[in-house]
Amino acid sequence: MTAHVPFDNSDSRTDQEHLEEIAQALAKITKRSAEQVRPYLHDLVTQLRKPLELSSEQIDKDLEEIADVIPNISPLSNADIDRDTIYTREDEW
């Protein structure tokens, strides 16, 4: 089932009014009351507004997973990332 929920941000409605519209749409889709849907919607919005905190280990792990998904890309050689090959001196132009 596909539902189209228009979200026009050009009007003067508040965030709360937009959230109520979404709650009403979700209530129709899930066949639950808006009162039942609102707490879940509130939790979702609260989680989305939190800053994302990742450790360097988690970032490394996530980047490794991304790299495993990308096929056929060879790593850069040391010459490709050597400072002298990236930057040239102006007097050498």
Protein backbone atom coordinates (compact mmCIF):
# COMPACT_ATOMS: atom_id res chain seq x y z
CA MET A 1 0.00 0.00 0.00
CA THR A 2 1.37 3.39 -0.97
CA ALA A 3 0.24 6.56 0.72
CA HIS A 4 1.03 10.05 -0.41
CA VAL A 5 1.35 12.55 2.43
CA PRO A 6 1.78 16.06 1.06
CA PHE A 7 4.21 18.06 3.12
CA ASP A 8 4.14 21.61 1.91
CA ASN A 9 6.57 23.67 3.96
CA SER A 10 5.70 26.91 2.18
CA ASP A 11 2.58 27.49 4.26
CA SER A 12 2.38 29.06 7.69
CA ARG A 13 1.55 25.89 9.62
CA THR A 14 3.62 25.08 12.67
CA ASP A 15 5.70 21.95 13.15
CA GLN A 16 3.03 20.69 15.52
CA GLU A 17 0.36 21.13 12.84
CA HIS A 18 2.52 19.24 10.34
CA LEU A 19 3.07 16.45 12.86
CA GLU A 20 -0.66 16.24 13.50
CA GLU A 21 -1.26 15.89 9.76
CA ILE A 22 1.29 13.08 9.62
CA ALA A 23 -0.29 11.42 12.67
CA GLN A 24 -3.68 11.52 10.98
CA ALA A 25 -2.25 10.01 7.79
CA LEU A 26 -0.43 7.28 9.73
CA ALA A 27 -3.61 6.54 11.64
CA LYS A 28 -5.41 5.89 8.35
CA ILE A 29 -2.57 3.74 6.98
CA THR A 30 -2.11 1.66 10.13
CA LYS A 31 -5.81 1.54 11.02
CA ARG A 32 -4.99 2.82 14.50
CA SER A 33 -6.20 5.97 16.14
CA ALA A 34 -4.14 9.15 15.94
CA GLU A 35 -3.83 8.96 19.74
CA GLN A 36 -2.11 5.58 19.38
CA VAL A 37 0.20 6.82 16.63
CA ARG A 38 1.29 10.12 18.23
CA PRO A 39 3.64 8.62 20.89
CA TYR A 40 5.55 6.68 18.23
CA LEU A 41 5.74 9.71 15.98
CA HIS A 42 6.94 11.82 18.90
CA ASP A 43 9.66 9.25 19.72
CA LEU A 44 10.76 9.16 16.08
CA VAL A 45 11.03 12.95 15.85
CA THR A 46 12.90 13.07 19.17
CA GLN A 47 15.43 10.52 17.92
CA LEU A 48 15.88 12.35 14.61
CA ARG A 49 16.59 15.62 16.40
CA LYS A 50 19.34 14.12 18.59
CA PRO A 51 22.87 14.79 17.42
CA LEU A 52 24.51 11.70 16.06
CA GLU A 53 27.36 10.58 18.28
CA LEU A 54 29.74 8.03 16.83
CA SER A 55 33.05 6.82 18.15
CA SER A 56 36.03 6.69 15.82
CA GLU A 57 35.82 2.89 16.04
CA GLN A 58 32.19 2.97 14.89
CA ILE A 59 33.05 5.32 12.02
CA ASP A 60 35.91 3.03 10.94
CA LYS A 61 33.60 0.00 11.11
CA ASP A 62 30.88 1.77 9.09
CA LEU A 63 33.38 2.93 6.46
CA GLU A 64 34.74 -0.61 6.15
CA GLU A 65 31.19 -1.90 5.61
CA ILE A 66 30.60 0.75 2.95
CA ALA A 67 33.89 -0.13 1.27
CA ASP A 68 32.91 -3.81 1.20
CA VAL A 69 29.72 -2.94 -0.68
CA ILE A 70 31.45 -0.88 -3.37
CA PRO A 71 32.82 -3.31 -5.96
CA ASN A 72 35.85 -2.99 -8.25
CA ILE A 73 37.39 0.16 -6.85
CA SER A 74 41.09 -0.21 -6.41
CA PRO A 75 42.75 1.58 -3.52
CA LEU A 76 44.93 4.60 -4.20
CA SER A 77 48.63 4.00 -4.43
CA ASN A 78 51.10 5.88 -2.23
CA ALA A 79 52.10 7.94 -5.28
CA ASP A 80 48.47 8.95 -5.81
CA ILE A 81 48.23 10.42 -2.34
CA ASP A 82 51.77 11.72 -2.04
CA ARG A 83 51.80 15.42 -1.14
CA ASP A 84 54.40 16.21 -3.80
CA THR A 85 52.22 14.81 -6.57
CA ILE A 86 49.08 16.56 -5.33
CA TYR A 87 50.58 19.99 -4.76
CA THR A 88 53.10 21.67 -7.02
CA ARG A 89 55.17 24.72 -6.33
CA GLU A 90 54.27 27.86 -8.22
CA ASP A 91 57.83 28.38 -9.35
CA GLU A 92 57.67 25.04 -11.18
CA TRP A 93 54.85 26.24 -13.44
